[in-house]
Amino acid sequence: MNKKYILLILTLLMSIAGFSSWAQTLDSAKIKAVESGLEGAFKTKEQKPWTIWDRMHYYRIKGLSIAVISNYHLAWAKGYGWADDSLKIPVTTQTLFQAASISKSLNAVGVLKLVQDKKLDLYADINTYLGSWKFPYDSLSKGKKISVANLLSHTGGLTVHGFDGYEQGSVLPTLQQVLDGQKPANSDPIRSMYEPGLKSEYSGGGITISQEIVTDITHQPYDKYMYDKVLKPLGMTSSTYEQPPKDKKQELLATAYRPDGKPVKGRYHIYPEQAAAGLWTNPTDLSKYIIETQLAYAGRSEKVLNQQTTKIRLTPYLDKQAALGVFLIDQDSTKYFSHSGANEGFRADYWGSLEGGNGLVIMVNSDNGQIIPEIENAIANVYGFKGLYRTKLLTTTTVADSVLQSYIGEFELAPGFSITVTREGSHLFGQGTGQPKFELYPETQTKFFLKVADAKVEFIKDDKGQVIKAILYQNGEHEMKKVK
């Protein structure tokens, strides 16, 4: 070969190697910026961001795993803390968490694969495909039939919001026992609340009916069909719908923890409601699902679903948000498909942009998921993900110590749950029953805000100037009577 060309090739190779090293350094800098840039729903000008380790300690979170997607590629993934604290098994990018309701997103891919293959009509009566079990229509459905599209978009007017799972060693119900709410099932029968097609109201029960449809059509165990036709083609080979996982090393399965940091009895619960809550996965594998969805939506890939079917899946069915297995959310003129998850001892969340190929996945092995939006704010800030940075800047005022002292007491929100307000110097704190303490920052002389959640507390006095109640502003107004 000509020496001139050899020199050129060597120069190019050195250039590529140099670029790769620079890119890794760039990612490393961004990772550090994310790790030290956590912010809550609110902040003040003088407040410094938190670090990921500070917040894990604050929330008593044992393990955490993150993946960041940029320009249709996995930018980075990293694990933090312990998959099992007592055994000191660290979280790695391979550690599997329960995805909880994120399972519904992948389930929709599997169901729509049957639609794409002409084995299922998305809009036909579900009893057309149900075999040994049929949905028992009654007068509440008003003669209207439920379709698979209704099931996947939560528009079937069906009962059973979610599932608690079963402790290790428990007698597990069959799927049909779950559908009928028969022992040993610990959930109610899945039945009509009202006629289908009126509105979107979340129903894990409806998703469980779609699981029965998949098994009746394919004549295969649900987890096998989902692995062969969805997970494996997407490259999600570490993931499984098996309940419990039999082909995975136990050290790869994260132990579930309560908000106080104590493990769930038996390490984790088992969910025979696989389509609604049964996926074991990690952020690295979920990022493959997000990227493939983005590429399929753009017509650039069809590992499982083609562009036409993907667009059906990502189109809100009745309202502006609930699509088929996902929720479509417009944030600052940027559209995202998203889903969160909450099983016993696990919390998770993912976001994927419809355009631009950006996204993120966060999973924790804790019942306390409050750190998740804080990390999302950090990622969005560092990577410029439009619409996902949701921290609001608020200003504080000065409140006299004597006024702060008048707010001290116990305020009952509901039977068995109160918020206790205490004072430390010139700072006011609140603490819900069984929850961590949080600081209350004065916005006015009577109204205070939280930095860790989108919530405010206002203290109400009587004609004599005595505090008699408080109002919690969080997803509406909630009156709290002062009981102590």
Protein backbone atom coordinates (compact mmCIF):
# COMPACT_ATOMS: atom_id res chain seq x y z
CA MET A 1 0.00 0.00 0.00
CA ASN A 2 1.21 3.51 -0.78
CA LYS A 3 2.90 5.09 2.27
CA LYS A 4 0.87 8.25 1.74
CA TYR A 5 -2.39 6.31 2.17
CA ILE A 6 -1.03 4.39 5.16
CA LEU A 7 -0.15 7.69 6.82
CA LEU A 8 -3.62 9.06 6.01
CA ILE A 9 -5.31 5.98 7.52
CA LEU A 10 -3.16 6.21 10.65
CA THR A 11 -4.01 9.90 10.97
CA LEU A 12 -7.73 9.14 10.65
CA LEU A 13 -7.51 6.36 13.22
CA MET A 14 -5.68 8.63 15.64
CA SER A 15 -8.29 11.31 15.02
CA ILE A 16 -11.13 8.88 15.71
CA ALA A 17 -9.42 7.63 18.88
CA GLY A 18 -8.90 11.20 20.00
CA PHE A 19 -12.55 12.05 19.34
CA SER A 20 -13.68 8.97 21.27
CA SER A 21 -11.53 9.96 24.23
CA TRP A 22 -12.87 13.52 24.07
CA ALA A 23 -16.45 12.25 23.85
CA GLN A 24 -15.92 10.04 26.92
CA THR A 25 -14.49 13.01 28.80
CA LEU A 26 -17.49 15.07 27.75
CA ASP A 27 -19.92 12.41 28.99
CA SER A 28 -17.95 12.13 32.23
CA ALA A 29 -18.30 15.86 32.79
CA LYS A 30 -22.03 15.70 32.13
CA ILE A 31 -22.45 12.72 34.45
CA LYS A 32 -20.75 14.64 37.25
CA ALA A 33 -22.94 17.66 36.52
CA VAL A 34 -26.07 15.50 36.76
CA GLU A 35 -24.87 13.85 39.97
CA SER A 36 -24.36 17.22 41.66
CA GLY A 37 -27.30 19.08 40.11
CA LEU A 38 -30.46 17.67 41.74
CA GLU A 39 -33.28 20.16 42.33
CA GLY A 40 -36.79 19.83 43.69
CA ALA A 41 -40.11 21.22 42.52
CA PHE A 42 -39.18 24.60 44.00
CA LYS A 43 -35.99 26.41 44.83
CA THR A 44 -34.86 29.78 46.07
CA LYS A 45 -32.09 31.96 44.68
CA GLU A 46 -29.69 31.13 47.47
CA GLN A 47 -30.29 27.37 47.36
CA LYS A 48 -27.51 25.18 46.02
CA PRO A 49 -28.33 21.95 44.11
CA TRP A 50 -28.13 18.65 45.94
CA THR A 51 -25.92 15.69 45.10
CA ILE A 52 -27.37 12.32 44.21
CA TRP A 53 -25.70 10.70 47.24
CA ASP A 54 -27.08 13.33 49.63
CA ARG A 55 -30.60 12.74 48.40
CA MET A 56 -30.31 8.95 48.45
CA HIS A 57 -29.27 9.21 52.09
CA TYR A 58 -32.04 11.73 52.82
CA TYR A 59 -34.75 9.51 51.31
CA ARG A 60 -33.19 6.27 52.65
CA ILE A 61 -32.94 4.91 49.13
CA LYS A 62 -30.67 1.88 48.89
CA GLY A 63 -30.23 1.56 45.12
CA LEU A 64 -30.69 3.65 42.03
CA SER A 65 -30.06 3.21 38.31
CA ILE A 66 -30.09 5.78 35.49
CA ALA A 67 -29.90 5.83 31.69
CA VAL A 68 -29.74 8.98 29.55
CA ILE A 69 -30.61 8.98 25.85
CA SER A 70 -29.35 11.70 23.51
CA ASN A 71 -29.76 11.89 19.73
CA TYR A 72 -31.16 8.33 19.45
CA HIS A 73 -28.24 6.81 21.37
CA LEU A 74 -27.58 5.72 24.93
CA ALA A 75 -25.38 8.54 26.22
CA TRP A 76 -24.61 6.78 29.49
CA ALA A 77 -25.96 4.47 32.15
CA LYS A 78 -24.86 4.09 35.73
CA GLY A 79 -25.86 2.39 38.97
CA TYR A 80 -25.64 3.78 42.49
CA GLY A 81 -25.87 2.25 45.95
CA TRP A 82 -26.96 -1.25 46.82
CA ALA A 83 -29.10 -3.82 45.03
CA ASP A 84 -29.08 -5.59 48.40
CA ASP A 85 -27.85 -3.61 51.38
CA SER A 86 -27.41 -6.51 53.81
CA LEU A 87 -25.35 -8.56 51.34
CA LYS A 88 -23.58 -5.46 50.00
CA ILE A 89 -24.40 -6.29 46.39
CA PRO A 90 -23.91 -3.05 44.44
CA VAL A 91 -26.26 -1.73 41.78
CA THR A 92 -24.71 -2.04 38.33
CA THR A 93 -26.15 -1.28 34.92
CA GLN A 94 -27.12 -4.98 34.78
CA THR A 95 -29.12 -4.95 38.04
CA LEU A 96 -32.78 -5.72 37.38
CA PHE A 97 -35.59 -3.74 39.01
CA GLN A 98 -39.32 -4.30 38.88
CA ALA A 99 -40.62 -1.89 36.25
CA ALA A 100 -44.12 -2.01 37.76
CA SER A 101 -46.61 -0.16 35.53
CA ILE A 102 -43.95 0.53 32.90
CA SER A 103 -44.72 -3.11 32.07
CA LYS A 104 -47.87 -1.77 30.39
CA SER A 105 -45.82 0.06 27.74
CA LEU A 106 -44.03 -3.08 26.58
CA ASN A 107 -47.27 -5.06 26.86
CA ALA A 108 -48.85 -2.65 24.37
CA VAL A 109 -45.99 -3.33 21.96
CA GLY A 110 -46.70 -7.06 22.24
CA VAL A 111 -50.44 -6.64 21.73
CA LEU A 112 -49.97 -4.33 18.76
CA LYS A 113 -47.57 -6.85 17.24
CA LEU A 114 -50.59 -9.20 17.05
CA VAL A 115 -52.61 -6.39 15.46
CA GLN A 116 -49.85 -5.73 12.93
CA ASP A 117 -49.70 -9.46 12.12
CA LYS A 118 -53.47 -9.48 11.45
CA LYS A 119 -54.16 -11.80 14.38
CA LEU A 120 -56.15 -9.26 16.35
CA ASP A 121 -58.60 -6.47 15.55
CA LEU A 122 -57.80 -3.52 17.80
CA TYR A 123 -61.39 -2.31 17.78
CA ALA A 124 -63.36 -5.57 18.04
CA ASP A 125 -65.18 -6.83 21.14
CA ILE A 126 -62.62 -8.37 23.50
CA ASN A 127 -64.81 -11.47 23.89
CA THR A 128 -64.06 -12.24 20.24
CA TYR A 129 -60.56 -13.27 21.36
CA LEU A 130 -61.08 -14.41 24.95
CA GLY A 131 -61.39 -18.18 25.18
CA SER A 132 -61.78 -20.03 28.47
CA TRP A 133 -62.73 -16.80 30.25
CA LYS A 134 -65.19 -14.24 28.90
CA PHE A 135 -65.76 -10.72 30.15
CA PRO A 136 -69.12 -10.66 32.00
CA TYR A 137 -70.88 -7.61 30.54
CA ASP A 138 -73.68 -6.23 32.69
CA SER A 139 -76.02 -3.23 32.75
CA LEU A 140 -73.19 -0.85 33.74
CA SER A 141 -71.64 -1.16 30.27
CA LYS A 142 -74.99 -0.07 28.77
CA GLY A 143 -74.76 -2.50 25.88
CA LYS A 144 -71.44 -1.11 24.62
CA LYS A 145 -68.59 -3.51 23.89
CA ILE A 146 -65.04 -3.12 25.16
CA SER A 147 -62.22 -3.21 22.61
CA VAL A 148 -58.51 -3.93 23.01
CA ALA A 149 -57.91 -0.25 22.25
CA ASN A 150 -60.09 0.54 25.28
CA LEU A 151 -58.01 -1.80 27.44
CA LEU A 152 -54.66 -0.31 26.41
CA SER A 153 -55.83 3.32 26.72
CA HIS A 154 -57.69 2.87 30.02
CA THR A 155 -60.97 3.85 28.40
CA GLY A 156 -62.86 0.60 29.05
CA GLY A 157 -64.65 1.90 32.16
CA LEU A 158 -63.12 -0.95 34.17
CA THR A 159 -62.34 -1.49 37.85
CA VAL A 160 -59.08 -2.35 39.68
CA HIS A 161 -56.56 0.47 39.50
CA GLY A 162 -53.50 -1.61 40.45
CA PHE A 163 -52.15 -4.67 42.25
CA ASP A 164 -50.28 -5.31 45.50
CA GLY A 165 -48.49 -8.48 44.43
CA TYR A 166 -47.86 -11.50 46.65
CA GLU A 167 -45.23 -12.26 49.26
CA GLN A 168 -42.66 -14.94 48.51
CA GLY A 169 -44.06 -18.32 49.50
CA SER A 170 -47.69 -17.27 49.10
CA VAL A 171 -50.13 -19.39 47.12
CA LEU A 172 -50.42 -17.57 43.80
CA PRO A 173 -53.73 -17.17 41.99
CA THR A 174 -54.23 -18.17 38.39
CA LEU A 175 -54.84 -15.38 35.93
CA GLN A 176 -58.54 -16.25 35.77
CA GLN A 177 -58.77 -16.08 39.57
CA VAL A 178 -57.28 -12.59 39.34
CA LEU A 179 -59.81 -11.62 36.67
CA ASP A 180 -62.69 -12.83 38.85
CA GLY A 181 -61.25 -11.68 42.18
CA GLN A 182 -61.40 -15.22 43.58
CA LYS A 183 -59.13 -16.44 46.38
CA PRO A 184 -56.19 -16.60 46.64
CA ALA A 185 -56.33 -13.38 44.55
CA ASN A 186 -55.99 -10.32 46.78
CA SER A 187 -57.66 -7.91 44.34
CA ASP A 188 -61.27 -7.23 43.37
CA PRO A 189 -62.99 -8.73 40.32
CA ILE A 190 -62.31 -6.83 37.09
CA ARG A 191 -65.71 -5.56 36.05
CA SER A 192 -67.42 -2.55 34.48
CA MET A 193 -67.71 0.71 36.42
CA TYR A 194 -69.51 2.46 33.60
CA GLU A 195 -69.86 2.23 29.83
CA PRO A 196 -66.65 2.08 27.76
CA GLY A 197 -65.46 5.04 25.73
CA LEU A 198 -66.60 7.79 28.12
CA LYS A 199 -63.21 8.82 29.51
CA SER A 200 -59.78 7.56 30.44
CA GLU A 201 -59.60 6.14 33.96
CA TYR A 202 -56.56 4.10 34.86
CA SER A 203 -57.21 0.38 35.13
CA GLY A 204 -54.51 -2.21 35.65
CA GLY A 205 -57.42 -4.62 35.54
CA GLY A 206 -58.04 -3.82 31.88
CA ILE A 207 -54.37 -4.43 31.07
CA THR A 208 -54.64 -7.82 32.80
CA ILE A 209 -57.50 -8.74 30.46
CA SER A 210 -55.14 -7.98 27.55
CA GLN A 211 -52.68 -10.48 29.06
CA GLU A 212 -55.37 -13.15 28.87
CA ILE A 213 -56.06 -12.20 25.25
CA VAL A 214 -52.38 -12.59 24.34
CA THR A 215 -52.20 -16.08 25.85
CA ASP A 216 -55.50 -17.14 24.24
CA ILE A 217 -54.37 -16.01 20.79
CA THR A 218 -50.78 -17.27 20.91
CA HIS A 219 -51.36 -20.42 23.03
CA GLN A 220 -48.07 -19.59 24.76
CA PRO A 221 -47.15 -18.49 28.27
CA TYR A 222 -47.31 -14.70 28.33
CA ASP A 223 -43.68 -14.24 29.39
CA LYS A 224 -42.44 -16.49 26.56
CA TYR A 225 -44.40 -14.62 23.90
CA MET A 226 -43.20 -11.27 25.22
CA TYR A 227 -39.57 -12.38 25.30
CA ASP A 228 -39.59 -13.96 21.83
CA LYS A 229 -41.61 -11.29 20.03
CA VAL A 230 -40.79 -8.08 21.93
CA LEU A 231 -37.90 -8.14 24.39
CA LYS A 232 -35.41 -10.17 22.33
CA PRO A 233 -36.01 -8.29 19.03
CA LEU A 234 -35.55 -4.99 20.91
CA GLY A 235 -32.26 -6.24 22.34
CA MET A 236 -33.72 -6.31 25.87
CA THR A 237 -32.21 -9.72 26.54
CA SER A 238 -31.53 -9.00 30.22
CA SER A 239 -35.24 -8.39 30.84
CA THR A 240 -38.02 -10.85 31.61
CA TYR A 241 -41.72 -11.04 32.43
CA GLU A 242 -41.23 -14.26 34.38
CA GLN A 243 -42.79 -14.10 37.86
CA PRO A 244 -40.64 -14.84 39.70
CA PRO A 245 -37.64 -14.86 37.33
CA LYS A 246 -36.26 -18.37 37.10
CA ASP A 247 -33.51 -17.87 34.54
CA LYS A 248 -31.83 -14.89 36.25
CA LYS A 249 -29.12 -14.94 38.89
CA GLN A 250 -30.61 -13.84 42.21
CA GLU A 251 -27.82 -11.30 42.75
CA LEU A 252 -29.06 -9.48 39.63
CA LEU A 253 -32.52 -8.97 41.18
CA ALA A 254 -32.71 -5.85 43.32
CA THR A 255 -34.21 -6.24 46.78
CA ALA A 256 -37.24 -4.02 47.40
CA TYR A 257 -37.22 -1.58 50.33
CA ARG A 258 -39.77 0.37 52.32
CA PRO A 259 -39.54 4.17 52.89
CA ASP A 260 -37.83 3.56 56.23
CA GLY A 261 -35.10 1.56 54.52
CA LYS A 262 -36.28 -1.86 55.70
CA PRO A 263 -36.51 -4.65 53.10
CA VAL A 264 -39.82 -5.97 51.82
CA LYS A 265 -40.53 -9.37 53.35
CA GLY A 266 -39.11 -12.06 51.08
CA ARG A 267 -37.01 -9.45 49.15
CA TYR A 268 -39.76 -8.58 46.65
CA HIS A 269 -43.36 -9.33 45.73
CA ILE A 270 -44.50 -11.60 42.90
CA TYR A 271 -46.97 -10.30 40.31
CA PRO A 272 -48.96 -12.84 38.29
CA GLU A 273 -50.51 -9.73 36.65
CA GLN A 274 -47.50 -9.72 34.33
CA ALA A 275 -48.78 -7.33 31.65
CA ALA A 276 -49.73 -4.72 34.22
CA ALA A 277 -46.81 -5.01 36.65
CA GLY A 278 -44.54 -8.02 35.98
CA LEU A 279 -41.55 -6.78 33.96
CA TRP A 280 -38.06 -7.10 35.48
CA THR A 281 -35.65 -4.82 33.62
CA ASN A 282 -33.08 -2.05 33.96
CA PRO A 283 -32.65 1.46 32.49
CA THR A 284 -30.16 0.23 29.89
CA ASP A 285 -32.68 -2.24 28.45
CA LEU A 286 -35.56 0.25 28.69
CA SER A 287 -33.49 2.76 26.75
CA LYS A 288 -33.43 0.26 23.87
CA TYR A 289 -37.24 0.22 23.89
CA ILE A 290 -37.36 4.04 23.94
CA ILE A 291 -34.84 4.44 21.11
CA GLU A 292 -36.57 1.84 18.94
CA THR A 293 -39.90 3.57 19.52
CA GLN A 294 -38.37 6.87 18.43
CA LEU A 295 -36.75 5.36 15.35
CA ALA A 296 -39.92 3.45 14.38
CA TYR A 297 -41.97 6.63 14.81
CA ALA A 298 -39.58 8.35 12.38
CA GLY A 299 -39.76 5.43 9.92
CA ARG A 300 -36.11 4.51 10.47
CA SER A 301 -36.54 1.08 12.09
CA GLU A 302 -39.12 -1.66 12.60
CA LYS A 303 -37.59 -4.31 14.84
CA VAL A 304 -41.06 -5.08 16.23
CA LEU A 305 -43.57 -2.46 15.12
CA ASN A 306 -43.54 -0.51 11.86
CA GLN A 307 -44.07 3.23 11.58
CA GLN A 308 -47.82 3.00 11.00
CA THR A 309 -48.44 0.79 14.05
CA THR A 310 -46.09 2.87 16.20
CA LYS A 311 -47.99 6.04 15.34
CA ILE A 312 -51.24 4.31 16.35
CA ARG A 313 -49.63 3.34 19.65
CA LEU A 314 -48.44 6.90 20.28
CA THR A 315 -51.73 8.61 19.41
CA PRO A 316 -54.01 9.56 22.34
CA TYR A 317 -57.14 7.46 22.00
CA LEU A 318 -59.83 9.50 23.71
CA ASP A 319 -58.36 12.35 25.72
CA LYS A 320 -55.16 14.33 25.09
CA GLN A 321 -52.77 12.05 26.98
CA ALA A 322 -53.74 8.38 27.25
CA ALA A 323 -52.46 6.51 24.19
CA LEU A 324 -51.92 2.73 23.93
CA GLY A 325 -49.68 1.76 26.83
CA VAL A 326 -48.15 5.21 27.12
CA PHE A 327 -49.09 8.75 28.04
CA LEU A 328 -48.38 11.59 25.60
CA ILE A 329 -47.37 14.78 27.36
CA ASP A 330 -46.65 18.15 25.77
CA GLN A 331 -43.95 19.91 27.78
CA ASP A 332 -42.91 23.38 26.60
CA SER A 333 -43.91 22.61 22.99
CA THR A 334 -42.00 19.30 23.10
CA LYS A 335 -43.97 16.06 22.94
CA TYR A 336 -42.92 13.09 25.04
CA PHE A 337 -44.22 9.56 25.51
CA SER A 338 -43.89 8.48 29.12
CA HIS A 339 -44.90 6.08 31.86
CA SER A 340 -44.13 5.68 35.54
CA GLY A 341 -44.25 2.62 37.76
CA ALA A 342 -44.88 1.77 41.41
CA ASN A 343 -44.69 -1.77 42.78
CA GLU A 344 -44.14 -2.75 46.40
CA GLY A 345 -40.61 -1.47 47.12
CA PHE A 346 -39.91 -0.16 43.61
CA ARG A 347 -40.43 3.13 41.75
CA ALA A 348 -39.53 3.99 38.13
CA ASP A 349 -40.10 6.59 35.43
CA TYR A 350 -39.19 7.08 31.78
CA TRP A 351 -39.50 9.84 29.18
CA GLY A 352 -38.84 9.73 25.44
CA SER A 353 -39.21 12.63 23.02
CA LEU A 354 -41.21 12.00 19.86
CA GLU A 355 -38.60 13.94 17.89
CA GLY A 356 -34.87 14.45 18.42
CA GLY A 357 -34.17 11.10 20.06
CA ASN A 358 -33.82 12.25 23.67
CA GLY A 359 -34.96 10.55 26.85
CA LEU A 360 -34.19 9.17 30.28
CA VAL A 361 -34.96 6.25 32.59
CA ILE A 362 -34.67 6.20 36.39
CA MET A 363 -35.36 3.21 38.65
CA VAL A 364 -35.07 2.84 42.44
CA ASN A 365 -35.58 -0.11 44.79
CA SER A 366 -37.64 1.90 47.26
CA ASP A 367 -41.25 2.84 47.95
CA ASN A 368 -40.01 6.44 48.05
CA GLY A 369 -39.64 7.80 44.54
CA GLN A 370 -39.28 11.48 45.42
CA ILE A 371 -35.68 11.52 44.21
CA ILE A 372 -36.78 10.67 40.65
CA PRO A 373 -38.12 14.11 39.60
CA GLU A 374 -35.08 15.71 41.24
CA ILE A 375 -32.76 13.65 39.03
CA GLU A 376 -34.95 14.38 36.01
CA ASN A 377 -34.49 18.10 36.65
CA ALA A 378 -30.72 17.62 36.78
CA ILE A 379 -30.62 15.61 33.55
CA ALA A 380 -32.89 18.05 31.73
CA ASN A 381 -30.79 21.00 32.89
CA VAL A 382 -27.46 19.45 31.86
CA TYR A 383 -28.65 18.06 28.52
CA GLY A 384 -31.08 20.85 27.62
CA PHE A 385 -34.08 18.52 27.37
CA LYS A 386 -36.80 21.03 26.73
CA GLY A 387 -39.82 20.77 28.98
CA LEU A 388 -38.36 18.29 31.46
CA TYR A 389 -36.74 20.85 33.75
CA ARG A 390 -39.66 21.66 36.04
CA THR A 391 -38.11 23.45 39.02
CA LYS A 392 -39.87 26.71 39.88
CA LEU A 393 -37.97 29.64 41.37
CA LEU A 394 -39.72 31.12 44.41
CA THR A 395 -38.83 33.96 46.73
CA THR A 396 -39.07 33.73 50.50
CA THR A 397 -40.07 36.24 53.13
CA THR A 398 -39.04 36.70 56.75
CA VAL A 399 -41.44 35.48 59.43
CA ALA A 400 -40.96 36.36 63.10
CA ASP A 401 -40.07 33.53 65.45
CA SER A 402 -43.22 34.20 67.49
CA VAL A 403 -45.37 33.70 64.39
CA LEU A 404 -43.52 30.51 63.46
CA GLN A 405 -44.06 29.27 67.01
CA SER A 406 -47.83 29.69 66.59
CA TYR A 407 -47.84 27.20 63.70
CA ILE A 408 -46.35 24.35 65.74
CA GLY A 409 -48.72 21.42 66.20
CA GLU A 410 -50.32 18.34 64.66
CA PHE A 411 -52.69 18.69 61.71
CA GLU A 412 -54.85 15.73 60.72
CA LEU A 413 -55.18 15.19 56.96
CA ALA A 414 -57.04 11.88 57.18
CA PRO A 415 -57.72 9.25 59.86
CA GLY A 416 -54.36 7.78 60.75
CA PHE A 417 -52.36 10.37 58.81
CA SER A 418 -51.25 13.73 60.17
CA ILE A 419 -48.62 16.34 59.43
CA THR A 420 -46.67 17.41 62.49
CA VAL A 421 -45.21 20.91 62.30
CA THR A 422 -42.10 21.71 64.36
CA ARG A 423 -39.67 24.60 64.62
CA GLU A 424 -35.89 24.70 64.75
CA GLY A 425 -34.71 28.25 65.28
CA SER A 426 -36.06 30.36 62.43
CA HIS A 427 -36.95 27.31 60.32
CA LEU A 428 -40.29 25.49 60.17
CA PHE A 429 -40.55 21.79 59.39
CA GLY A 430 -43.36 19.38 58.57
CA GLN A 431 -43.43 15.59 58.78
CA GLY A 432 -46.19 13.29 57.55
CA THR A 433 -46.93 10.09 59.43
CA GLY A 434 -44.19 7.59 58.55
CA GLN A 435 -42.48 10.02 56.16
CA PRO A 436 -39.21 12.02 56.19
CA LYS A 437 -39.14 15.52 57.63
CA PHE A 438 -39.31 18.39 55.13
CA GLU A 439 -38.65 22.11 55.54
CA LEU A 440 -41.45 24.63 55.03
CA TYR A 441 -40.28 27.84 53.35
CA PRO A 442 -42.27 31.05 53.93
CA GLU A 443 -43.79 32.53 50.79
CA THR A 444 -46.02 34.86 52.83
CA GLN A 445 -46.68 35.27 56.53
CA THR A 446 -49.17 32.39 56.45
CA LYS A 447 -48.33 30.32 53.36
CA PHE A 448 -45.30 28.04 53.08
CA PHE A 449 -43.94 25.91 50.22
CA LEU A 450 -41.94 22.70 49.94
CA LYS A 451 -38.87 22.34 47.78
CA VAL A 452 -39.14 18.56 47.52
CA ALA A 453 -42.68 18.46 46.12
CA ASP A 454 -45.18 20.63 44.30
CA ALA A 455 -47.06 21.46 47.48
CA LYS A 456 -47.86 24.37 49.79
CA VAL A 457 -49.27 24.68 53.31
CA GLU A 458 -51.35 27.64 54.50
CA PHE A 459 -52.17 28.20 58.18
CA ILE A 460 -55.64 29.50 59.05
CA LYS A 461 -56.44 31.45 62.24
CA ASP A 462 -59.73 32.20 63.97
CA ASP A 463 -60.97 35.64 65.07
CA LYS A 464 -58.81 35.42 68.19
CA GLY A 465 -55.66 34.80 66.17
CA GLN A 466 -55.38 31.14 67.12
CA VAL A 467 -54.34 28.63 64.45
CA ILE A 468 -57.26 26.22 64.04
CA LYS A 469 -56.41 24.45 60.79
CA ALA A 470 -54.14 24.34 57.76
CA ILE A 471 -54.77 23.82 54.07
CA LEU A 472 -52.52 21.56 52.01
CA TYR A 473 -52.34 22.59 48.36
CA GLN A 474 -51.28 19.49 46.45
CA ASN A 475 -53.42 18.12 43.62
CA GLY A 476 -56.25 20.29 44.94
CA GLU A 477 -57.03 21.76 48.37
CA HIS A 478 -57.07 19.54 51.45
CA GLU A 479 -58.18 20.88 54.83
CA MET A 480 -56.24 19.71 57.89
CA LYS A 481 -57.77 20.24 61.33
CA LYS A 482 -55.36 21.11 64.14
CA VAL A 483 -55.67 18.30 66.67
CA LYS A 484 -52.72 19.11 68.97
